[in-house]
């Protein structure tokens, strides 16, 4: 194989790689639908009341 043919083949390979990368980069990304957020993972639901208030007995269901 002569050096001229090898150089031409390298240029063709490089052009093919550039064409594929350009086609992949030009592909428009489809926006994904976000699922509704769940409140189960929020820290506010895990912490509870920071300090008992004056109506704590009522909210706990305990008799007064």
N, C-alpha and C. Protein backbone atom coordinates (compact mmCIF):
# COMPACT_ATOMS: atom_id res chain seq x y z
N UNK A 1 0.85 -1.17 0.00
CA UNK A 1 0.00 0.00 0.00
C UNK A 1 0.89 1.24 0.00
N UNK A 2 0.65 2.13 -0.88
CA UNK A 2 1.50 3.32 -0.96
C UNK A 2 1.07 4.33 0.10
N UNK A 3 1.96 5.27 0.37
CA UNK A 3 1.68 6.27 1.40
C UNK A 3 0.57 7.22 0.98
N UNK A 4 0.41 7.41 -0.33
CA UNK A 4 -0.66 8.29 -0.81
C UNK A 4 -2.02 7.66 -0.54
N UNK A 5 -2.16 6.39 -0.79
CA UNK A 5 -3.42 5.70 -0.55
C UNK A 5 -3.73 5.65 0.95
N UNK A 6 -2.71 5.41 1.75
CA UNK A 6 -2.91 5.35 3.20
C UNK A 6 -3.34 6.72 3.74
N UNK A 7 -2.75 7.78 3.23
CA UNK A 7 -3.11 9.13 3.67
C UNK A 7 -4.54 9.46 3.26
N UNK A 8 -4.92 9.04 2.03
CA UNK A 8 -6.30 9.28 1.59
C UNK A 8 -7.29 8.51 2.46
N UNK A 9 -6.91 7.27 2.81
CA UNK A 9 -7.80 6.45 3.64
C UNK A 9 -7.94 7.06 5.04
N UNK A 10 -6.84 7.57 5.58
CA UNK A 10 -6.90 8.21 6.89
C UNK A 10 -7.80 9.45 6.86
N UNK A 11 -7.71 10.20 5.78
CA UNK A 11 -8.57 11.38 5.65
C UNK A 11 -10.04 10.99 5.53
N UNK A 12 -10.31 9.90 4.79
CA UNK A 12 -11.69 9.43 4.67
C UNK A 12 -12.22 8.93 6.00
N UNK A 13 -11.38 8.21 6.75
CA UNK A 13 -11.79 7.74 8.07
C UNK A 13 -12.07 8.91 9.01
N UNK A 14 -11.20 9.90 8.97
CA UNK A 14 -11.39 11.07 9.82
C UNK A 14 -12.67 11.81 9.44
N UNK A 15 -12.94 11.91 8.14
CA UNK A 15 -14.16 12.58 7.69
C UNK A 15 -15.39 11.81 8.12
N UNK A 16 -15.32 10.48 8.09
CA UNK A 16 -16.46 9.67 8.52
C UNK A 16 -16.72 9.84 10.02
N UNK A 17 -15.65 9.86 10.80
CA UNK A 17 -15.79 10.04 12.25
C UNK A 17 -16.38 11.41 12.56
N UNK A 18 -15.90 12.43 11.88
CA UNK A 18 -16.42 13.78 12.10
C UNK A 18 -17.88 13.86 11.69
N UNK A 19 -18.27 13.20 10.61
CA UNK A 19 -19.66 13.21 10.17
C UNK A 19 -20.57 12.54 11.20
N UNK A 20 -20.11 11.43 11.76
CA UNK A 20 -20.92 10.73 12.77
C UNK A 20 -21.05 11.57 14.03
N UNK A 21 -19.96 12.15 14.49
CA UNK A 21 -20.00 12.97 15.70
C UNK A 21 -20.88 14.20 15.49
N UNK A 22 -20.79 14.82 14.32
CA UNK A 22 -21.63 15.98 14.02
C UNK A 22 -23.09 15.60 13.99
N UNK A 23 -23.41 14.45 13.41
CA UNK A 23 -24.81 14.00 13.36
C UNK A 23 -25.34 13.71 14.75
N UNK A 24 -24.53 13.11 15.60
CA UNK A 24 -24.97 12.83 16.98
C UNK A 24 -25.15 14.12 17.78
N UNK A 25 -24.27 15.08 17.57
CA UNK A 25 -24.35 16.34 18.30
C UNK A 25 -25.53 17.19 17.83
N UNK A 26 -25.91 17.05 16.56
CA UNK A 26 -27.00 17.85 16.02
C UNK A 26 -28.37 17.29 16.36
N UNK A 27 -28.41 16.05 16.84
CA UNK A 27 -29.68 15.42 17.19
C UNK A 27 -30.32 16.19 18.34
N UNK A 28 -31.55 16.63 18.14
CA UNK A 28 -32.25 17.38 19.19
C UNK A 28 -32.64 16.45 20.32
N UNK A 29 -32.32 16.85 21.51
CA UNK A 29 -32.66 16.04 22.68
C UNK A 29 -34.15 16.18 22.98
N UNK A 30 -34.79 15.06 23.26
CA UNK A 30 -36.21 15.07 23.58
C UNK A 30 -36.36 15.39 25.06
N UNK A 31 -37.10 16.44 25.40
CA UNK A 31 -37.27 16.76 26.82
C UNK A 31 -38.09 15.67 27.51
N UNK A 32 -37.63 15.25 28.67
CA UNK A 32 -38.32 14.20 29.40
C UNK A 32 -39.34 14.82 30.35
N UNK A 33 -40.45 14.12 30.50
CA UNK A 33 -41.48 14.56 31.43
C UNK A 33 -41.00 14.27 32.85
N UNK A 34 -41.07 15.28 33.69
CA UNK A 34 -40.69 15.07 35.08
C UNK A 34 -41.89 14.51 35.84
N UNK A 35 -41.62 13.54 36.68
CA UNK A 35 -42.70 12.98 37.47
C UNK A 35 -43.03 13.95 38.60
N UNK A 36 -44.27 13.92 39.09
CA UNK A 36 -44.62 14.82 40.19
C UNK A 36 -43.77 14.52 41.41
N UNK A 37 -43.38 15.57 42.10
CA UNK A 37 -42.52 15.39 43.26
C UNK A 37 -43.30 14.82 44.43
N UNK A 38 -42.68 13.94 45.14
CA UNK A 38 -43.29 13.35 46.32
C UNK A 38 -42.78 14.08 47.56
N UNK A 39 -43.64 14.22 48.54
CA UNK A 39 -43.24 14.90 49.77
C UNK A 39 -42.67 13.92 50.79
N UNK A 40 -42.61 12.64 50.45
CA UNK A 40 -42.12 11.65 51.41
C UNK A 40 -40.64 11.82 51.70
N UNK A 41 -39.90 12.36 50.79
CA UNK A 41 -38.46 12.49 51.00
C UNK A 41 -38.03 13.81 51.61
N UNK A 42 -38.95 14.71 51.88
CA UNK A 42 -38.55 16.00 52.42
C UNK A 42 -38.20 15.89 53.90
N UNK A 43 -37.18 16.58 54.34
CA UNK A 43 -36.78 16.49 55.75
C UNK A 43 -37.85 17.01 56.71
N UNK A 44 -38.71 17.91 56.27
CA UNK A 44 -39.72 18.47 57.17
C UNK A 44 -40.67 17.40 57.68
N UNK A 45 -40.92 16.38 56.91
CA UNK A 45 -41.83 15.32 57.35
C UNK A 45 -41.14 14.32 58.26
N UNK A 46 -39.82 14.29 58.23
CA UNK A 46 -39.10 13.37 59.09
C UNK A 46 -38.80 13.97 60.46
N UNK A 47 -38.70 15.29 60.54
CA UNK A 47 -38.29 15.93 61.78
C UNK A 47 -39.41 16.03 62.80
N UNK A 48 -40.62 16.30 62.35
CA UNK A 48 -41.73 16.48 63.28
C UNK A 48 -41.65 17.85 63.95
N UNK A 49 -42.33 17.99 65.09
CA UNK A 49 -42.33 19.27 65.81
C UNK A 49 -40.98 19.47 66.48
N UNK A 50 -40.47 20.69 66.41
CA UNK A 50 -39.19 20.98 67.03
C UNK A 50 -39.32 21.07 68.55
N UNK A 51 -40.43 21.65 69.02
CA UNK A 51 -40.66 21.77 70.45
C UNK A 51 -42.16 21.65 70.69
N UNK A 52 -42.57 21.04 71.80
CA UNK A 52 -44.00 20.92 72.07
C UNK A 52 -44.63 22.29 72.31
N UNK A 53 -45.78 22.51 71.68
CA UNK A 53 -46.50 23.76 71.87
C UNK A 53 -47.56 23.61 72.95
N UNK A 54 -48.40 24.64 73.12
CA UNK A 54 -49.39 24.59 74.19
C UNK A 54 -50.55 23.67 73.85
N UNK A 55 -50.75 23.33 72.58
CA UNK A 55 -51.83 22.42 72.18
C UNK A 55 -51.29 21.03 71.86
N UNK A 56 -50.15 20.68 72.39
CA UNK A 56 -49.54 19.39 72.09
C UNK A 56 -50.40 18.24 72.58
N UNK A 57 -51.01 18.39 73.74
CA UNK A 57 -51.83 17.32 74.28
C UNK A 57 -53.00 17.04 73.36
N UNK A 58 -53.56 18.09 72.74
CA UNK A 58 -54.72 17.91 71.88
C UNK A 58 -54.32 17.25 70.56
N UNK A 59 -53.21 17.69 70.00
CA UNK A 59 -52.80 17.14 68.72
C UNK A 59 -52.31 15.71 68.85
N UNK A 60 -51.86 15.31 70.04
CA UNK A 60 -51.40 13.94 70.20
C UNK A 60 -52.56 12.98 70.43
N UNK A 61 -53.71 13.48 70.76
CA UNK A 61 -54.87 12.63 71.01
C UNK A 61 -54.96 12.17 72.45
N UNK A 62 -54.04 12.59 73.29
CA UNK A 62 -54.08 12.20 74.69
C UNK A 62 -55.15 13.00 75.44
N UNK A 63 -55.71 12.38 76.45
CA UNK A 63 -56.72 13.07 77.25
C UNK A 63 -56.05 14.15 78.08
N UNK A 64 -56.81 15.19 78.36
CA UNK A 64 -56.28 16.30 79.12
C UNK A 64 -56.28 16.04 80.58
